[in-house]
Amino acid sequence: MCRRRGLAAITRFRQRQRTVAPVGDTLIAIIADDLPGQEEIARLRAALGSAGIADANTSQIDGLRATPADLQSVTHAAPFFGERRLVVVRRMLGQFEARSGEGTRARGKAKSADLEAELRDWLKSLPETTDLVFVEEQVPSVDSRNPLVRAVVAAGGSVRPSRPLKPEEVVDWLHKRARTKGGSISAEAAEALAAARGADLRALDSELEKLTTYADGAEIGAADVHALVADDRQDSVFTLVDAIGRRDRRMALRTLRSMLDSGANVQYLLTMIGRQVRLLLQVKEAASISSAHDAVAAALQMRPWQVRNLLAQARMFTDTQLRRAMALIVAADREVKTGVCDGDVALDVLVATLAG
């Protein structure tokens, strides 16, 4: 019975728009502490009933400190004036990683096996009225040797590691997300927002909420993004391209390494460097038609100060150099996507070539 319930839970949980588990069907899952995870918990809470009933039937536990008795007591409690309970356990994987590594190898394996057996018995004994969700910053793969992961899988539960969206997926996500907020966003604005915030869905959602309110029913444009969203990443890209323009290879590679070390995604860096080069080409072309910064800014939907900064950087390059740079960026992007070249290596070679 528990196995059949668990398999049904896996199927539902993997759906993009998950319907809440009906009464008599227990959910057991390990999910990431990200925006989709937060929304999944919010949907489960909403299914419990009114705000008061949901509060009374939701328990939050710090898994790093909880004892087996704590977990047993909370997960086996009966619903209070409702039909279901939701138990959210955070940071529990770390507790079992630490325990399973104690002592000698032989004793460590024995202790890990004992822990796994205890966890399996606990999960199999869950009442049908309890949904149990483990929330972790980093969710391991389903074949992890962590006793908790193995026990959840054995009980038919779901393990959902977080997967950062690809650049093109982020833009598509922004369009869909804007519609759920009753708004819309242009392609240029979505690209600019993705370049500024990367694949951080929480940050993107927060910025999109602000932009939707600001637009007040109108489509969010690139000018809105430039005006309201602070772009720390783009500042670093500007510094990188500036170093390339000065042919300062050492500074360019140092800036690139700093961005990679801070967690910047290779595909995003390629996208953002390409965007910067495209902007330089655009301002050079617009400036050849009109030398007035305000006119160029209006044509490109930018602020005058942004145009001034871009024009100053654009003077470091000829049109031929910028078009060659775009061709090299496209080639590097293709090599990374097809697996011909490692991402970090492709970026190093690209920047070294451009700054050479």
Foldseek 3Di string as FASTA:
>chain_A
DLQVLLQVLQVQVPDPDHDADDQLRAAEEEDEPADSVVVVVVNNLVVFDDPVQSVQQEEEEALLPDDPVRVLVNQADQRDPTRAHEYEYEPNLVNQVVQLPDDDPVVSVVRLVVLLVVLLVSLLPGDSRYYYYYYYNFFDDCPDSRSNSVSCVVSSHYGDGDDQDFLVVQLVVLQVLLVVVVAGEDSLLSNLLCLQPPRRVVVSNVVSVVQSVVCVHYYRYNLSCQVPPDRPNLVLLLQLLLLLLVLVLVSNVVSVVVCVVVPDDLNSSLSSNLVLLVVLLLLVVLCVVPVDLVSSCVVVSHDSVVSVSSPVSSVSDDPVLSVVLNVLSVVLSVCCVVVVDPSVVSVSVSSNVSSD
